[in-house]
Amino acid sequence: DSKLKYPVTFGSDKREVELEGEGYFEVTRDETRPFRVVVEKQTVEVLGTEFNVSGYMDEAAIYTTLVTGKVKVETDSGENMVLAPGEQSMLDCRDGHLDKREVDVEKVIAWKKGMFILEEQTLEEIMQKFTRWYDMEVVYWNEDLKDIVFKGVVPRYTELREVLNILEKTNEVKFDIEERMVIVFK
């Protein structure tokens, strides 16, 4: 469910793209034309590096994770920070606050390798990822089910039923699939 908007040809002074969703960038260094990724309320500027940006419209935060090189993250409100490899910025879209933390980069970019990394995530957060990937809707019979926490690794390029079977093996939840809808129950 990601969208990348870019010009047919970059200008002579900058290279700028707009992202909605998640994208991984490997940018060739060009000091005369910085590369910028605009994501909702923030802009990431680089000269040459590898980084991941996750900024889905239905999520409360935008995450920028640096793999190699150096990036500058700047918000619409003027707050900014420079990231070093292994660091992640988090922009809270509700209050505009920008924060920095160290992360395991391999877990953040696991999606590139066809894996969902579920690390202390609620079922609601997990199903939100599955919804985008499998283009489906989710209905919960009980709202409390959204708060169940899971940890593990699930392959992305697997049939939806197989992925849900992995979660069912925990005996915490059960799933029923009706066309493009997944019903969650206990």
N, C-alpha and C. Protein backbone atom coordinates (compact mmCIF):
# COMPACT_ATOMS: atom_id res chain seq x y z
N ASP A 1 0.83 -1.19 0.00
CA ASP A 1 0.00 0.00 0.00
C ASP A 1 0.87 1.25 0.00
N SER A 2 2.03 1.19 -0.66
CA SER A 2 2.94 2.34 -0.70
C SER A 2 2.82 3.04 -2.05
N LYS A 3 3.08 4.36 -2.01
CA LYS A 3 3.04 5.15 -3.24
C LYS A 3 4.29 6.01 -3.29
N LEU A 4 4.95 6.03 -4.42
CA LEU A 4 6.14 6.85 -4.63
C LEU A 4 5.88 7.76 -5.81
N LYS A 5 6.03 9.06 -5.58
CA LYS A 5 5.80 10.05 -6.62
C LYS A 5 7.14 10.71 -6.93
N TYR A 6 7.51 10.74 -8.23
CA TYR A 6 8.80 11.31 -8.62
C TYR A 6 8.68 11.92 -10.01
N PRO A 7 9.55 12.90 -10.33
CA PRO A 7 9.48 13.52 -11.64
C PRO A 7 10.07 12.61 -12.72
N VAL A 8 9.71 12.88 -13.95
CA VAL A 8 10.27 12.12 -15.07
C VAL A 8 11.79 12.31 -15.10
N THR A 9 12.24 13.53 -14.85
CA THR A 9 13.66 13.85 -14.79
C THR A 9 13.90 14.74 -13.57
N PHE A 10 14.97 14.46 -12.82
CA PHE A 10 15.32 15.32 -11.69
C PHE A 10 15.90 16.62 -12.21
N GLY A 11 15.68 17.70 -11.45
CA GLY A 11 16.21 19.01 -11.81
C GLY A 11 17.71 19.09 -11.60
N SER A 12 18.28 20.24 -11.93
CA SER A 12 19.73 20.41 -11.83
C SER A 12 20.18 20.75 -10.40
N ASP A 13 19.22 21.11 -9.51
CA ASP A 13 19.60 21.52 -8.16
C ASP A 13 19.20 20.53 -7.06
N LYS A 14 18.28 19.60 -7.35
CA LYS A 14 17.86 18.64 -6.33
C LYS A 14 17.20 17.42 -6.96
N ARG A 15 17.15 16.35 -6.16
CA ARG A 15 16.43 15.13 -6.52
C ARG A 15 15.43 14.91 -5.41
N GLU A 16 14.14 15.05 -5.73
CA GLU A 16 13.11 14.97 -4.68
C GLU A 16 12.00 14.03 -5.10
N VAL A 17 11.61 13.17 -4.12
CA VAL A 17 10.49 12.25 -4.33
C VAL A 17 9.53 12.39 -3.15
N GLU A 18 8.28 11.98 -3.35
CA GLU A 18 7.29 11.98 -2.29
C GLU A 18 6.89 10.53 -2.03
N LEU A 19 6.86 10.17 -0.76
CA LEU A 19 6.54 8.79 -0.36
C LEU A 19 5.35 8.76 0.57
N GLU A 20 4.46 7.82 0.31
CA GLU A 20 3.38 7.48 1.24
C GLU A 20 3.49 5.98 1.44
N GLY A 21 3.77 5.55 2.66
CA GLY A 21 3.98 4.14 2.92
C GLY A 21 5.42 3.89 3.31
N GLU A 22 5.99 2.79 2.79
CA GLU A 22 7.34 2.42 3.18
C GLU A 22 8.21 2.25 1.95
N GLY A 23 9.45 2.72 2.04
CA GLY A 23 10.40 2.60 0.94
C GLY A 23 11.82 2.49 1.45
N TYR A 24 12.64 1.78 0.69
CA TYR A 24 14.06 1.61 1.01
C TYR A 24 14.83 2.29 -0.11
N PHE A 25 15.79 3.12 0.24
CA PHE A 25 16.52 3.90 -0.75
C PHE A 25 18.01 3.66 -0.66
N GLU A 26 18.64 3.45 -1.81
CA GLU A 26 20.10 3.44 -1.95
C GLU A 26 20.41 4.60 -2.86
N VAL A 27 21.04 5.64 -2.29
CA VAL A 27 21.21 6.90 -3.01
C VAL A 27 22.67 7.11 -3.38
N THR A 28 22.90 7.39 -4.66
CA THR A 28 24.24 7.71 -5.14
C THR A 28 24.59 9.13 -4.74
N ARG A 29 25.78 9.31 -4.25
CA ARG A 29 26.24 10.62 -3.79
C ARG A 29 26.32 11.61 -4.96
N ASP A 30 25.74 12.80 -4.75
CA ASP A 30 25.82 13.89 -5.71
C ASP A 30 25.71 15.19 -4.91
N GLU A 31 26.84 15.77 -4.56
CA GLU A 31 26.86 16.96 -3.69
C GLU A 31 26.14 18.15 -4.29
N THR A 32 26.02 18.22 -5.60
CA THR A 32 25.35 19.36 -6.22
C THR A 32 23.84 19.19 -6.27
N ARG A 33 23.36 17.95 -6.12
CA ARG A 33 21.92 17.69 -6.15
C ARG A 33 21.53 16.76 -5.00
N PRO A 34 21.26 17.32 -3.82
CA PRO A 34 20.87 16.45 -2.71
C PRO A 34 19.59 15.70 -3.03
N PHE A 35 19.47 14.52 -2.43
CA PHE A 35 18.29 13.68 -2.61
C PHE A 35 17.38 13.89 -1.41
N ARG A 36 16.09 14.13 -1.66
CA ARG A 36 15.12 14.38 -0.59
C ARG A 36 13.92 13.45 -0.75
N VAL A 37 13.49 12.92 0.39
CA VAL A 37 12.27 12.13 0.44
C VAL A 37 11.30 12.88 1.33
N VAL A 38 10.18 13.31 0.75
CA VAL A 38 9.15 14.03 1.49
C VAL A 38 8.09 13.02 1.90
N VAL A 39 7.85 12.92 3.21
CA VAL A 39 6.86 12.01 3.76
C VAL A 39 5.97 12.80 4.70
N GLU A 40 4.77 13.07 4.25
CA GLU A 40 3.78 13.80 5.03
C GLU A 40 4.37 15.05 5.67
N LYS A 41 4.75 15.00 6.96
CA LYS A 41 5.19 16.20 7.68
C LYS A 41 6.70 16.26 7.88
N GLN A 42 7.45 15.46 7.13
CA GLN A 42 8.90 15.47 7.30
C GLN A 42 9.60 15.30 5.96
N THR A 43 10.85 15.77 5.92
CA THR A 43 11.70 15.61 4.75
C THR A 43 13.01 14.99 5.20
N VAL A 44 13.45 13.96 4.48
CA VAL A 44 14.74 13.33 4.74
C VAL A 44 15.67 13.76 3.63
N GLU A 45 16.81 14.33 3.99
CA GLU A 45 17.78 14.79 2.99
C GLU A 45 19.07 14.00 3.11
N VAL A 46 19.59 13.54 1.96
CA VAL A 46 20.83 12.75 1.94
C VAL A 46 21.72 13.17 0.80
N LEU A 47 23.00 12.80 0.91
CA LEU A 47 23.92 13.00 -0.21
C LEU A 47 24.27 11.65 -0.83
N GLY A 48 24.42 10.63 -0.05
CA GLY A 48 24.70 9.29 -0.55
C GLY A 48 24.63 8.30 0.59
N THR A 49 23.67 7.41 0.58
CA THR A 49 23.46 6.55 1.73
C THR A 49 22.41 5.48 1.46
N GLU A 50 22.14 4.64 2.45
CA GLU A 50 21.05 3.67 2.40
C GLU A 50 20.18 3.88 3.64
N PHE A 51 18.87 3.98 3.43
CA PHE A 51 17.96 4.20 4.55
C PHE A 51 16.57 3.70 4.21
N ASN A 52 15.77 3.53 5.26
CA ASN A 52 14.39 3.07 5.14
C ASN A 52 13.47 4.14 5.71
N VAL A 53 12.36 4.41 5.05
CA VAL A 53 11.37 5.35 5.55
C VAL A 53 10.03 4.64 5.58
N SER A 54 9.32 4.77 6.71
CA SER A 54 7.98 4.20 6.84
C SER A 54 7.04 5.29 7.31
N GLY A 55 6.13 5.69 6.44
CA GLY A 55 5.20 6.76 6.76
C GLY A 55 3.82 6.50 6.17
N TYR A 56 3.11 5.55 6.74
CA TYR A 56 1.77 5.24 6.27
C TYR A 56 0.78 6.25 6.83
N MET A 57 -0.19 6.65 6.03
CA MET A 57 -1.17 7.65 6.43
C MET A 57 -2.03 7.21 7.62
N ASP A 58 -2.21 5.90 7.80
CA ASP A 58 -3.07 5.43 8.89
C ASP A 58 -2.29 5.11 10.17
N GLU A 59 -1.01 5.47 10.22
CA GLU A 59 -0.21 5.26 11.41
C GLU A 59 0.11 6.59 12.07
N ALA A 60 0.37 6.56 13.35
CA ALA A 60 0.56 7.78 14.14
C ALA A 60 1.98 8.33 14.08
N ALA A 61 2.91 7.61 13.43
CA ALA A 61 4.30 8.06 13.40
C ALA A 61 4.95 7.77 12.06
N ILE A 62 6.00 8.53 11.77
CA ILE A 62 6.83 8.31 10.59
C ILE A 62 8.21 7.90 11.09
N TYR A 63 8.73 6.78 10.57
CA TYR A 63 10.01 6.25 11.01
C TYR A 63 11.03 6.35 9.88
N THR A 64 12.21 6.87 10.19
CA THR A 64 13.32 6.91 9.26
C THR A 64 14.47 6.16 9.92
N THR A 65 14.99 5.12 9.25
CA THR A 65 16.05 4.29 9.80
C THR A 65 17.25 4.33 8.88
N LEU A 66 18.40 4.68 9.43
CA LEU A 66 19.62 4.79 8.63
C LEU A 66 20.40 3.48 8.66
N VAL A 67 20.73 2.97 7.46
CA VAL A 67 21.51 1.75 7.32
C VAL A 67 22.99 2.11 7.19
N THR A 68 23.32 2.96 6.21
CA THR A 68 24.70 3.43 6.04
C THR A 68 24.68 4.91 5.69
N GLY A 69 25.80 5.58 5.92
CA GLY A 69 25.92 6.99 5.55
C GLY A 69 25.40 7.92 6.61
N LYS A 70 24.71 8.97 6.17
CA LYS A 70 24.22 10.00 7.08
C LYS A 70 23.02 10.67 6.44
N VAL A 71 21.97 10.91 7.22
CA VAL A 71 20.80 11.63 6.72
C VAL A 71 20.40 12.70 7.72
N LYS A 72 19.75 13.72 7.20
CA LYS A 72 19.17 14.76 8.04
C LYS A 72 17.66 14.65 7.91
N VAL A 73 16.97 14.58 9.05
CA VAL A 73 15.52 14.51 9.07
C VAL A 73 15.01 15.85 9.58
N GLU A 74 14.09 16.45 8.82
CA GLU A 74 13.55 17.75 9.20
C GLU A 74 12.04 17.71 9.13
N THR A 75 11.40 18.28 10.16
CA THR A 75 9.95 18.30 10.20
C THR A 75 9.43 19.62 9.64
N ASP A 76 8.13 19.64 9.34
CA ASP A 76 7.49 20.86 8.85
C ASP A 76 7.58 21.99 9.87
N SER A 77 7.67 21.63 11.16
CA SER A 77 7.74 22.65 12.21
C SER A 77 9.15 23.18 12.42
N GLY A 78 10.13 22.65 11.66
CA GLY A 78 11.50 23.14 11.75
C GLY A 78 12.41 22.34 12.66
N GLU A 79 11.88 21.35 13.36
CA GLU A 79 12.71 20.49 14.20
C GLU A 79 13.54 19.60 13.28
N ASN A 80 14.80 19.33 13.61
CA ASN A 80 15.61 18.46 12.77
C ASN A 80 16.64 17.71 13.59
N MET A 81 17.17 16.64 12.97
CA MET A 81 18.23 15.85 13.59
C MET A 81 18.99 15.11 12.51
N VAL A 82 20.23 14.76 12.81
CA VAL A 82 21.06 13.98 11.91
C VAL A 82 21.16 12.57 12.48
N LEU A 83 20.99 11.58 11.61
CA LEU A 83 21.06 10.19 12.04
C LEU A 83 22.38 9.57 11.64
N ALA A 84 22.89 8.69 12.50
CA ALA A 84 24.06 7.86 12.22
C ALA A 84 23.56 6.45 11.93
N PRO A 85 24.37 5.59 11.29
CA PRO A 85 23.93 4.22 11.02
C PRO A 85 23.45 3.52 12.29
N GLY A 86 22.31 2.82 12.17
CA GLY A 86 21.73 2.11 13.30
C GLY A 86 20.77 2.96 14.11
N GLU A 87 20.58 4.20 13.73
CA GLU A 87 19.65 5.07 14.44
C GLU A 87 18.36 5.23 13.65
N GLN A 88 17.29 5.51 14.40
CA GLN A 88 15.97 5.69 13.79
C GLN A 88 15.33 6.94 14.40
N SER A 89 14.77 7.76 13.53
CA SER A 89 13.98 8.89 14.02
C SER A 89 12.52 8.48 13.99
N MET A 90 11.76 9.04 14.92
CA MET A 90 10.33 8.79 14.97
C MET A 90 9.63 10.14 15.12
N LEU A 91 8.84 10.49 14.10
CA LEU A 91 8.06 11.72 14.14
C LEU A 91 6.64 11.37 14.56
N ASP A 92 6.21 11.87 15.70
CA ASP A 92 4.84 11.68 16.16
C ASP A 92 3.96 12.64 15.38
N CYS A 93 3.11 12.11 14.51
CA CYS A 93 2.28 12.95 13.63
C CYS A 93 1.21 13.73 14.39
N ARG A 94 0.90 13.31 15.60
CA ARG A 94 -0.12 14.02 16.38
C ARG A 94 0.41 15.32 16.96
N ASP A 95 1.61 15.26 17.59
CA ASP A 95 2.12 16.46 18.24
C ASP A 95 3.35 17.05 17.55
N GLY A 96 3.85 16.38 16.49
CA GLY A 96 4.99 16.91 15.73
C GLY A 96 6.33 16.71 16.40
N HIS A 97 6.39 15.95 17.51
CA HIS A 97 7.66 15.74 18.22
C HIS A 97 8.53 14.72 17.48
N LEU A 98 9.80 15.04 17.35
CA LEU A 98 10.77 14.18 16.68
C LEU A 98 11.69 13.57 17.73
N ASP A 99 11.85 12.25 17.70
CA ASP A 99 12.66 11.53 18.67
C ASP A 99 13.68 10.66 17.94
N LYS A 100 14.76 10.27 18.63
CA LYS A 100 15.79 9.41 18.03
C LYS A 100 16.07 8.25 18.97
N ARG A 101 16.33 7.05 18.36
CA ARG A 101 16.69 5.88 19.15
C ARG A 101 17.55 4.95 18.32
N GLU A 102 18.27 4.03 18.99
CA GLU A 102 19.04 3.01 18.29
C GLU A 102 18.14 1.81 18.04
N VAL A 103 18.29 1.19 16.86
CA VAL A 103 17.45 0.04 16.49
C VAL A 103 18.31 -1.03 15.82
N ASP A 104 17.74 -2.23 15.74
CA ASP A 104 18.36 -3.31 14.97
C ASP A 104 17.90 -3.13 13.53
N VAL A 105 18.78 -2.62 12.70
CA VAL A 105 18.46 -2.28 11.32
C VAL A 105 17.94 -3.50 10.55
N GLU A 106 18.50 -4.66 10.79
CA GLU A 106 18.09 -5.86 10.06
C GLU A 106 16.61 -6.17 10.30
N LYS A 107 16.12 -5.89 11.49
CA LYS A 107 14.71 -6.13 11.77
C LYS A 107 13.83 -5.12 11.05
N VAL A 108 14.30 -3.88 10.95
CA VAL A 108 13.52 -2.84 10.28
C VAL A 108 13.40 -3.12 8.79
N ILE A 109 14.47 -3.59 8.18
CA ILE A 109 14.45 -3.81 6.73
C ILE A 109 14.17 -5.26 6.35
N ALA A 110 13.69 -6.06 7.31
CA ALA A 110 13.37 -7.46 7.04
C ALA A 110 12.34 -7.61 5.94
N TRP A 111 11.48 -6.59 5.76
CA TRP A 111 10.45 -6.65 4.71
C TRP A 111 11.08 -6.78 3.34
N LYS A 112 12.29 -6.22 3.17
CA LYS A 112 12.99 -6.35 1.88
C LYS A 112 13.38 -7.79 1.59
N LYS A 113 13.55 -8.57 2.65
CA LYS A 113 13.96 -9.96 2.52
C LYS A 113 12.77 -10.91 2.62
N GLY A 114 11.56 -10.34 2.55
CA GLY A 114 10.36 -11.17 2.52
C GLY A 114 9.91 -11.68 3.87
N MET A 115 10.19 -10.95 4.95
CA MET A 115 9.81 -11.40 6.28
C MET A 115 9.04 -10.31 7.02
N PHE A 116 8.08 -10.75 7.83
CA PHE A 116 7.44 -9.89 8.82
C PHE A 116 8.14 -10.20 10.13
N ILE A 117 8.74 -9.21 10.75
CA ILE A 117 9.33 -9.39 12.08
C ILE A 117 8.31 -8.87 13.08
N LEU A 118 7.82 -9.75 13.93
CA LEU A 118 6.83 -9.40 14.93
C LEU A 118 7.54 -9.35 16.27
N GLU A 119 7.92 -8.18 16.68
CA GLU A 119 8.67 -8.05 17.93
C GLU A 119 7.86 -7.27 18.94
N GLU A 120 7.26 -8.03 19.87
CA GLU A 120 6.45 -7.40 20.91
C GLU A 120 5.41 -6.47 20.30
N GLN A 121 4.72 -6.94 19.26
CA GLN A 121 3.69 -6.15 18.60
C GLN A 121 2.31 -6.69 18.95
N THR A 122 1.35 -5.78 19.04
CA THR A 122 -0.02 -6.20 19.32
C THR A 122 -0.61 -6.82 18.06
N LEU A 123 -1.66 -7.59 18.25
CA LEU A 123 -2.34 -8.19 17.11
C LEU A 123 -2.86 -7.12 16.18
N GLU A 124 -3.33 -6.01 16.73
CA GLU A 124 -3.82 -4.92 15.90
C GLU A 124 -2.71 -4.37 14.99
N GLU A 125 -1.50 -4.19 15.54
CA GLU A 125 -0.36 -3.70 14.73
C GLU A 125 0.01 -4.73 13.66
N ILE A 126 -0.01 -5.99 14.03
CA ILE A 126 0.33 -7.06 13.08
C ILE A 126 -0.70 -7.13 11.95
N MET A 127 -1.97 -7.10 12.33
CA MET A 127 -3.02 -7.19 11.33
C MET A 127 -3.03 -5.97 10.41
N GLN A 128 -2.59 -4.83 10.91
CA GLN A 128 -2.48 -3.64 10.07
C GLN A 128 -1.45 -3.88 8.96
N LYS A 129 -0.34 -4.53 9.30
CA LYS A 129 0.67 -4.87 8.29
C LYS A 129 0.11 -5.88 7.30
N PHE A 130 -0.57 -6.90 7.81
CA PHE A 130 -1.15 -7.93 6.95
C PHE A 130 -2.20 -7.33 6.02
N THR A 131 -2.98 -6.38 6.53
CA THR A 131 -4.01 -5.73 5.74
C THR A 131 -3.41 -5.08 4.50
N ARG A 132 -2.30 -4.39 4.69
CA ARG A 132 -1.63 -3.74 3.54
C ARG A 132 -1.07 -4.78 2.57
N TRP A 133 -0.43 -5.78 3.12
CA TRP A 133 0.27 -6.76 2.28
C TRP A 133 -0.70 -7.64 1.50
N TYR A 134 -1.76 -8.10 2.17
CA TYR A 134 -2.69 -9.04 1.55
C TYR A 134 -3.95 -8.37 1.02
N ASP A 135 -4.05 -7.05 1.13
CA ASP A 135 -5.19 -6.29 0.63
C ASP A 135 -6.50 -6.88 1.13
N MET A 136 -6.70 -6.77 2.43
CA MET A 136 -7.86 -7.37 3.08
C MET A 136 -8.38 -6.44 4.17
N GLU A 137 -9.52 -6.77 4.73
CA GLU A 137 -10.08 -6.06 5.87
C GLU A 137 -10.08 -7.00 7.07
N VAL A 138 -10.09 -6.42 8.28
CA VAL A 138 -10.09 -7.22 9.50
C VAL A 138 -11.25 -6.79 10.38
N VAL A 139 -11.93 -7.79 10.93
CA VAL A 139 -13.02 -7.55 11.88
C VAL A 139 -12.69 -8.34 13.14
N TYR A 140 -12.79 -7.68 14.30
CA TYR A 140 -12.54 -8.33 15.58
C TYR A 140 -13.86 -8.61 16.29
N TRP A 141 -14.09 -9.86 16.71
CA TRP A 141 -15.30 -10.20 17.45
C TRP A 141 -15.23 -9.59 18.85
N ASN A 142 -14.02 -9.43 19.35
CA ASN A 142 -13.82 -8.88 20.69
C ASN A 142 -12.66 -7.89 20.60
N GLU A 143 -12.89 -6.65 21.02
CA GLU A 143 -11.87 -5.60 20.92
C GLU A 143 -10.63 -5.93 21.74
N ASP A 144 -10.77 -6.73 22.81
CA ASP A 144 -9.63 -7.10 23.65
C ASP A 144 -8.58 -7.91 22.88
N LEU A 145 -9.01 -8.57 21.83
CA LEU A 145 -8.07 -9.38 21.03
C LEU A 145 -7.00 -8.51 20.38
N LYS A 146 -7.30 -7.25 20.13
CA LYS A 146 -6.35 -6.34 19.50
C LYS A 146 -5.08 -6.16 20.32
N ASP A 147 -5.19 -6.33 21.63
CA ASP A 147 -4.07 -6.05 22.54
C ASP A 147 -3.17 -7.24 22.82
N ILE A 148 -3.47 -8.41 22.27
CA ILE A 148 -2.62 -9.58 22.49
C ILE A 148 -1.28 -9.31 21.80
N VAL A 149 -0.18 -9.61 22.50
CA VAL A 149 1.16 -9.32 22.00
C VAL A 149 1.79 -10.60 21.45
N PHE A 150 2.44 -10.47 20.28
CA PHE A 150 3.11 -11.59 19.64
C PHE A 150 4.57 -11.25 19.38
N LYS A 151 5.36 -12.30 19.26
CA LYS A 151 6.78 -12.14 18.92
C LYS A 151 7.15 -13.29 18.01
N GLY A 152 7.88 -13.00 16.93
CA GLY A 152 8.29 -14.06 16.02
C GLY A 152 8.58 -13.54 14.63
N VAL A 153 8.77 -14.47 13.72
CA VAL A 153 9.07 -14.15 12.33
C VAL A 153 8.08 -14.91 11.45
N VAL A 154 7.49 -14.20 10.49
CA VAL A 154 6.51 -14.81 9.59
C VAL A 154 6.90 -14.46 8.16
N PRO A 155 6.93 -15.45 7.26
CA PRO A 155 7.27 -15.16 5.86
C PRO A 155 6.17 -14.35 5.15
N ARG A 156 6.58 -13.38 4.34
CA ARG A 156 5.63 -12.54 3.60
C ARG A 156 5.05 -13.23 2.38
N TYR A 157 5.87 -13.98 1.69
CA TYR A 157 5.44 -14.55 0.42
C TYR A 157 4.81 -15.93 0.62
N THR A 158 3.84 -15.96 1.52
CA THR A 158 3.11 -17.16 1.86
C THR A 158 1.63 -16.83 1.78
N GLU A 159 0.82 -17.82 1.48
CA GLU A 159 -0.62 -17.60 1.44
C GLU A 159 -1.10 -17.07 2.79
N LEU A 160 -2.09 -16.21 2.75
CA LEU A 160 -2.64 -15.61 3.96
C LEU A 160 -3.05 -16.66 4.98
N ARG A 161 -3.74 -17.71 4.53
CA ARG A 161 -4.21 -18.75 5.45
C ARG A 161 -3.03 -19.37 6.21
N GLU A 162 -1.91 -19.60 5.53
CA GLU A 162 -0.73 -20.19 6.18
C GLU A 162 -0.15 -19.25 7.24
N VAL A 163 -0.11 -17.96 6.92
CA VAL A 163 0.40 -16.97 7.88
C VAL A 163 -0.49 -16.93 9.11
N LEU A 164 -1.80 -16.93 8.91
CA LEU A 164 -2.73 -16.89 10.03
C LEU A 164 -2.64 -18.18 10.86
N ASN A 165 -2.38 -19.31 10.20
CA ASN A 165 -2.21 -20.58 10.92
C ASN A 165 -1.05 -20.51 11.90
N ILE A 166 0.01 -19.80 11.52
CA ILE A 166 1.17 -19.64 12.41
C ILE A 166 0.74 -18.93 13.69
N LEU A 167 -0.06 -17.87 13.56
CA LEU A 167 -0.53 -17.14 14.74
C LEU A 167 -1.53 -17.98 15.55
N GLU A 168 -2.33 -18.79 14.87
CA GLU A 168 -3.30 -19.64 15.57
C GLU A 168 -2.61 -20.68 16.45
N LYS A 169 -1.42 -21.10 16.09
CA LYS A 169 -0.70 -22.13 16.86
C LYS A 169 -0.36 -21.66 18.27
N THR A 170 -0.47 -20.37 18.53
CA THR A 170 -0.23 -19.85 19.88
C THR A 170 -1.42 -20.12 20.80
N ASN A 171 -2.55 -20.52 20.22
CA ASN A 171 -3.80 -20.74 20.95
C ASN A 171 -4.35 -19.46 21.58
N GLU A 172 -3.89 -18.32 21.11
CA GLU A 172 -4.38 -17.03 21.60
C GLU A 172 -5.56 -16.52 20.78
N VAL A 173 -5.56 -16.83 19.46
CA VAL A 173 -6.59 -16.34 18.56
C VAL A 173 -6.92 -17.38 17.50
N LYS A 174 -8.05 -17.14 16.85
CA LYS A 174 -8.46 -17.95 15.70
C LYS A 174 -8.90 -16.99 14.61
N PHE A 175 -8.85 -17.45 13.38
CA PHE A 175 -9.21 -16.62 12.24
C PHE A 175 -10.15 -17.36 11.31
N ASP A 176 -11.04 -16.59 10.71
CA ASP A 176 -11.92 -17.12 9.68
C ASP A 176 -11.79 -16.16 8.49
N ILE A 177 -11.70 -16.68 7.28
CA ILE A 177 -11.56 -15.84 6.10
C ILE A 177 -12.82 -15.96 5.26
N GLU A 178 -13.42 -14.80 4.97
CA GLU A 178 -14.59 -14.74 4.09
C GLU A 178 -14.28 -13.72 3.00
N GLU A 179 -13.96 -14.23 1.81
CA GLU A 179 -13.54 -13.41 0.67
C GLU A 179 -12.35 -12.54 1.06
N ARG A 180 -12.49 -11.21 1.11
CA ARG A 180 -11.37 -10.32 1.42
C ARG A 180 -11.41 -9.84 2.87
N MET A 181 -12.14 -10.57 3.72
CA MET A 181 -12.27 -10.18 5.12
C MET A 181 -11.76 -11.29 6.03
N VAL A 182 -10.99 -10.87 7.05
CA VAL A 182 -10.52 -11.80 8.07
C VAL A 182 -11.24 -11.48 9.36
N ILE A 183 -11.86 -12.51 9.94
CA ILE A 183 -12.58 -12.35 11.20
C ILE A 183 -11.69 -12.94 12.30
N VAL A 184 -11.44 -12.13 13.32
CA VAL A 184 -10.58 -12.55 14.44
C VAL A 184 -11.46 -12.88 15.64
N PHE A 185 -11.25 -14.06 16.22
CA PHE A 185 -12.01 -14.47 17.40
C PHE A 185 -11.13 -15.35 18.27
N LYS A 186 -11.66 -15.80 19.40
CA LYS A 186 -10.88 -16.63 20.32
C LYS A 186 -11.51 -18.00 20.39
